Amino acid sequence: MATSWAPTFLQLLKEDAETARAQDPAATSLSAVVLTYPGVHAVWHYRIAHAMWQRPGLRLPARVVSLISRLLTGVEIHPGARIGRRLFIDHGMGVVIGATAEVGDDCLLFHGVTLGGRSMSPGKRHPTLGDRVMVGSGAKVLGPLWIGDDAKVGANAVVTRDVPNGAVAVGIPARNRTPAPARAGAVVQDPSELIEYVI
């Protein structure tokens, strides 16, 4: 997870909003993002809760902040998760990010994504996403696995194995595929192009 400089907390929040503005063609202004984007609000709540989580005496209040965020945004991010810079959660509703999940820089999650566990045993039990990972709507990435840099997970995929750098994981269970070339001028490849129908 690359970090070239250490921003202040307010710079980090501003960067989150600017990322959403740049990523979403429906964003009409930075003000609209700041006021109406639940995915951005969820990331901001997470950043506050995560800072509190670092102090053992503030862990319960951190969980309360996380719960309030879930009630307001429909996004559940455990304050113990580790999230890099410029995460954009588009639409957001139904996104779940578990306690030991790690998300790199410049990642994109669509609604209904779960970064979850496959067991209730202690220790690392949630996935790690590298940098510039895109996870499509409804995808489930389960267990202490690795999703490599620049990888994509297709809509509704169920991923239970590592995904190499630059690969596309599609299907149930997900299989790794060579990515199709992105359309010219596309900021993000349409996740609907990554769906594999399994019969």
Protein backbone atom coordinates (compact mmCIF):
# COMPACT_ATOMS: atom_id res chain seq x y z
CA MET A 1 0.00 0.00 0.00
CA ALA A 2 1.87 2.99 -1.30
CA THR A 3 1.85 6.30 0.53
CA SER A 4 4.02 9.07 -0.87
CA TRP A 5 3.30 11.65 1.84
CA ALA A 6 1.45 11.81 5.12
CA PRO A 7 -1.60 14.07 4.81
CA THR A 8 -3.25 15.76 7.75
CA PHE A 9 -6.63 14.40 8.79
CA LEU A 10 -8.54 17.21 7.04
CA GLN A 11 -6.46 16.77 3.88
CA LEU A 12 -7.35 13.07 3.94
CA LEU A 13 -11.07 13.86 4.19
CA LYS A 14 -10.81 16.38 1.35
CA GLU A 15 -8.94 13.84 -0.76
CA ASP A 16 -11.75 11.29 -0.18
CA ALA A 17 -14.34 13.77 -1.45
CA GLU A 18 -12.22 14.78 -4.45
CA THR A 19 -11.75 11.12 -5.34
CA ALA A 20 -15.51 10.54 -5.41
CA ARG A 21 -15.96 13.65 -7.56
CA ALA A 22 -13.32 12.43 -10.02
CA GLN A 23 -14.54 8.81 -10.13
CA ASP A 24 -18.30 9.32 -10.42
CA PRO A 25 -19.58 10.82 -13.67
CA ALA A 26 -22.89 11.57 -11.89
CA ALA A 27 -21.18 13.88 -9.38
CA THR A 28 -22.21 17.40 -10.28
CA SER A 29 -19.95 19.21 -7.82
CA LEU A 30 -17.70 18.73 -4.82
CA SER A 31 -20.46 20.23 -2.66
CA ALA A 32 -22.90 17.56 -3.86
CA VAL A 33 -20.38 14.85 -2.96
CA VAL A 34 -19.75 16.30 0.51
CA LEU A 35 -23.46 16.67 1.26
CA THR A 36 -25.07 13.64 -0.40
CA TYR A 37 -22.64 10.74 -0.91
CA PRO A 38 -23.15 8.03 1.74
CA GLY A 39 -20.06 6.12 0.60
CA VAL A 40 -17.92 9.18 1.30
CA HIS A 41 -19.65 9.74 4.65
CA ALA A 42 -19.00 6.10 5.59
CA VAL A 43 -15.29 6.45 4.82
CA TRP A 44 -15.12 9.65 6.86
CA HIS A 45 -16.85 7.99 9.83
CA TYR A 46 -14.45 5.07 9.48
CA ARG A 47 -11.42 7.39 9.56
CA ILE A 48 -12.67 8.94 12.81
CA ALA A 49 -13.52 5.55 14.34
CA HIS A 50 -10.20 4.04 13.25
CA ALA A 51 -8.26 6.89 14.89
CA MET A 52 -10.19 6.23 18.09
CA TRP A 53 -9.63 2.45 17.77
CA GLN A 54 -5.87 3.00 18.06
CA ARG A 55 -6.41 3.97 21.73
CA PRO A 56 -7.62 0.97 23.78
CA GLY A 57 -9.71 3.20 26.06
CA LEU A 58 -11.67 4.53 23.05
CA ARG A 59 -12.55 1.22 21.42
CA LEU A 60 -16.14 1.14 22.64
CA PRO A 61 -16.82 4.73 21.48
CA ALA A 62 -15.18 3.79 18.15
CA ARG A 63 -17.70 0.96 17.76
CA VAL A 64 -20.50 3.42 18.55
CA VAL A 65 -19.27 5.77 15.78
CA SER A 66 -19.18 2.75 13.46
CA LEU A 67 -22.75 1.80 14.39
CA ILE A 68 -24.02 5.34 13.84
CA SER A 69 -22.31 5.35 10.44
CA ARG A 70 -24.00 2.08 9.54
CA LEU A 71 -27.40 3.48 10.52
CA LEU A 72 -26.85 6.65 8.49
CA THR A 73 -25.13 5.22 5.40
CA GLY A 74 -25.95 1.51 5.14
CA VAL A 75 -22.19 0.80 5.09
CA GLU A 76 -20.55 -1.21 7.87
CA ILE A 77 -16.80 -0.75 8.29
CA HIS A 78 -15.21 -2.16 11.42
CA PRO A 79 -12.94 0.48 13.03
CA GLY A 80 -10.14 -2.07 13.25
CA ALA A 81 -9.96 -2.48 9.45
CA ARG A 82 -7.04 -0.81 7.68
CA ILE A 83 -8.04 1.34 4.72
CA GLY A 84 -5.64 3.26 2.51
CA ARG A 85 -6.13 6.55 0.75
CA ARG A 86 -8.72 7.54 -1.83
CA LEU A 87 -11.18 4.67 -1.28
CA PHE A 88 -14.42 5.34 -3.17
CA ILE A 89 -17.53 3.38 -2.19
CA ASP A 90 -20.10 4.00 -4.93
CA HIS A 91 -23.73 3.97 -3.69
CA GLY A 92 -22.54 2.10 -0.62
CA MET A 93 -25.67 0.37 0.66
CA GLY A 94 -24.87 -3.09 1.98
CA VAL A 95 -21.07 -2.80 1.94
CA VAL A 96 -19.41 -4.71 4.82
CA ILE A 97 -15.70 -4.48 5.64
CA GLY A 98 -14.54 -6.79 8.43
CA ALA A 99 -12.23 -6.10 11.37
CA THR A 100 -9.04 -7.58 9.90
CA ALA A 101 -9.64 -6.46 6.31
CA GLU A 102 -7.02 -4.29 4.63
CA VAL A 103 -7.72 -2.09 1.61
CA GLY A 104 -4.94 -0.43 -0.38
CA ASP A 105 -4.89 2.98 -2.04
CA ASP A 106 -7.19 4.07 -4.90
CA CYS A 107 -9.67 1.20 -4.55
CA LEU A 108 -13.28 1.22 -5.73
CA LEU A 109 -16.09 -0.78 -4.10
CA PHE A 110 -19.64 -0.88 -5.44
CA HIS A 111 -22.79 -1.50 -3.38
CA GLY A 112 -23.36 -4.85 -1.72
CA VAL A 113 -19.67 -5.76 -1.49
CA THR A 114 -18.56 -7.91 1.44
CA LEU A 115 -14.93 -8.14 2.55
CA GLY A 116 -15.71 -10.85 5.08
CA GLY A 117 -14.44 -13.88 6.90
CA ARG A 118 -15.03 -17.62 6.53
CA SER A 119 -14.55 -18.44 10.21
CA MET A 120 -15.01 -16.97 13.65
CA SER A 121 -11.50 -17.91 14.81
CA PRO A 122 -9.22 -15.15 16.15
CA GLY A 123 -6.51 -13.62 14.01
CA LYS A 124 -6.45 -12.53 10.38
CA ARG A 125 -9.69 -13.73 8.82
CA HIS A 126 -10.61 -11.05 6.26
CA PRO A 127 -9.14 -10.23 2.84
CA THR A 128 -6.35 -7.86 1.88
CA LEU A 129 -6.83 -5.75 -1.24
CA GLY A 130 -3.82 -4.26 -2.98
CA ASP A 131 -3.79 -0.87 -4.68
CA ARG A 132 -6.22 0.13 -7.46
CA VAL A 133 -8.54 -2.85 -6.90
CA MET A 134 -12.13 -2.66 -8.16
CA VAL A 135 -14.82 -4.90 -6.60
CA GLY A 136 -18.14 -5.06 -8.46
CA SER A 137 -21.65 -4.90 -7.04
CA GLY A 138 -22.67 -7.76 -4.78
CA ALA A 139 -19.27 -9.45 -4.79
CA LYS A 140 -18.20 -11.44 -1.74
CA VAL A 141 -14.47 -11.65 -1.00
CA LEU A 142 -14.12 -14.09 1.86
CA GLY A 143 -11.25 -15.18 4.07
CA PRO A 144 -7.65 -14.10 4.65
CA LEU A 145 -6.80 -13.97 0.97
CA TRP A 146 -4.95 -11.50 -1.22
CA ILE A 147 -6.42 -9.51 -4.11
CA GLY A 148 -3.45 -8.20 -6.09
CA ASP A 149 -2.75 -4.69 -7.32
CA ASP A 150 -4.90 -3.60 -10.29
CA ALA A 151 -7.14 -6.68 -9.98
CA LYS A 152 -10.88 -6.59 -10.61
CA VAL A 153 -13.62 -8.68 -9.02
CA GLY A 154 -16.75 -9.01 -11.12
CA ALA A 155 -20.27 -8.28 -9.95
CA ASN A 156 -21.72 -11.03 -7.73
CA ALA A 157 -18.50 -13.05 -7.75
CA VAL A 158 -17.67 -15.14 -4.69
CA VAL A 159 -13.90 -15.06 -4.18
CA THR A 160 -12.31 -17.60 -1.84
CA ARG A 161 -8.80 -17.78 -3.36
CA ASP A 162 -6.03 -15.28 -4.04
CA VAL A 163 -6.33 -13.14 -7.17
CA PRO A 164 -3.02 -12.22 -8.87
CA ASN A 165 -2.02 -8.68 -9.79
CA GLY A 166 -4.00 -7.40 -12.78
CA ALA A 167 -6.33 -10.42 -13.00
CA VAL A 168 -10.12 -10.41 -13.19
CA ALA A 169 -12.03 -12.77 -10.88
CA VAL A 170 -15.55 -13.70 -12.01
CA GLY A 171 -18.16 -16.33 -11.22
CA ILE A 172 -19.28 -18.49 -8.32
CA PRO A 173 -16.83 -19.63 -7.16
CA ALA A 174 -14.69 -16.97 -8.79
CA ARG A 175 -12.13 -17.95 -11.38
CA ASN A 176 -9.28 -15.73 -12.52
CA ARG A 177 -9.46 -14.43 -16.07
CA THR A 178 -7.24 -12.24 -18.23
CA PRO A 179 -8.77 -8.77 -18.24
CA ALA A 180 -10.34 -7.44 -21.40
CA PRO A 181 -8.88 -4.16 -22.66
CA ALA A 182 -10.62 -1.14 -21.14
CA ARG A 183 -12.68 1.09 -23.42
CA ALA A 184 -10.83 4.15 -24.64
CA GLY A 185 -11.35 7.08 -22.30
CA ALA A 186 -13.01 5.01 -19.56
CA VAL A 187 -11.99 6.04 -16.05
CA VAL A 188 -13.18 2.72 -14.61
CA GLN A 189 -14.18 -0.37 -16.54
CA ASP A 190 -17.91 -1.06 -16.27
CA PRO A 191 -18.32 -3.88 -13.71
CA SER A 192 -21.21 -5.33 -15.71
CA GLU A 193 -18.65 -6.28 -18.35
CA LEU A 194 -17.00 -8.54 -15.76
CA ILE A 195 -20.00 -10.76 -15.01
CA GLU A 196 -19.76 -14.45 -15.86
CA TYR A 197 -23.03 -16.34 -15.82
CA VAL A 198 -22.63 -19.82 -14.34
CA ILE A 199 -25.20 -22.45 -15.35
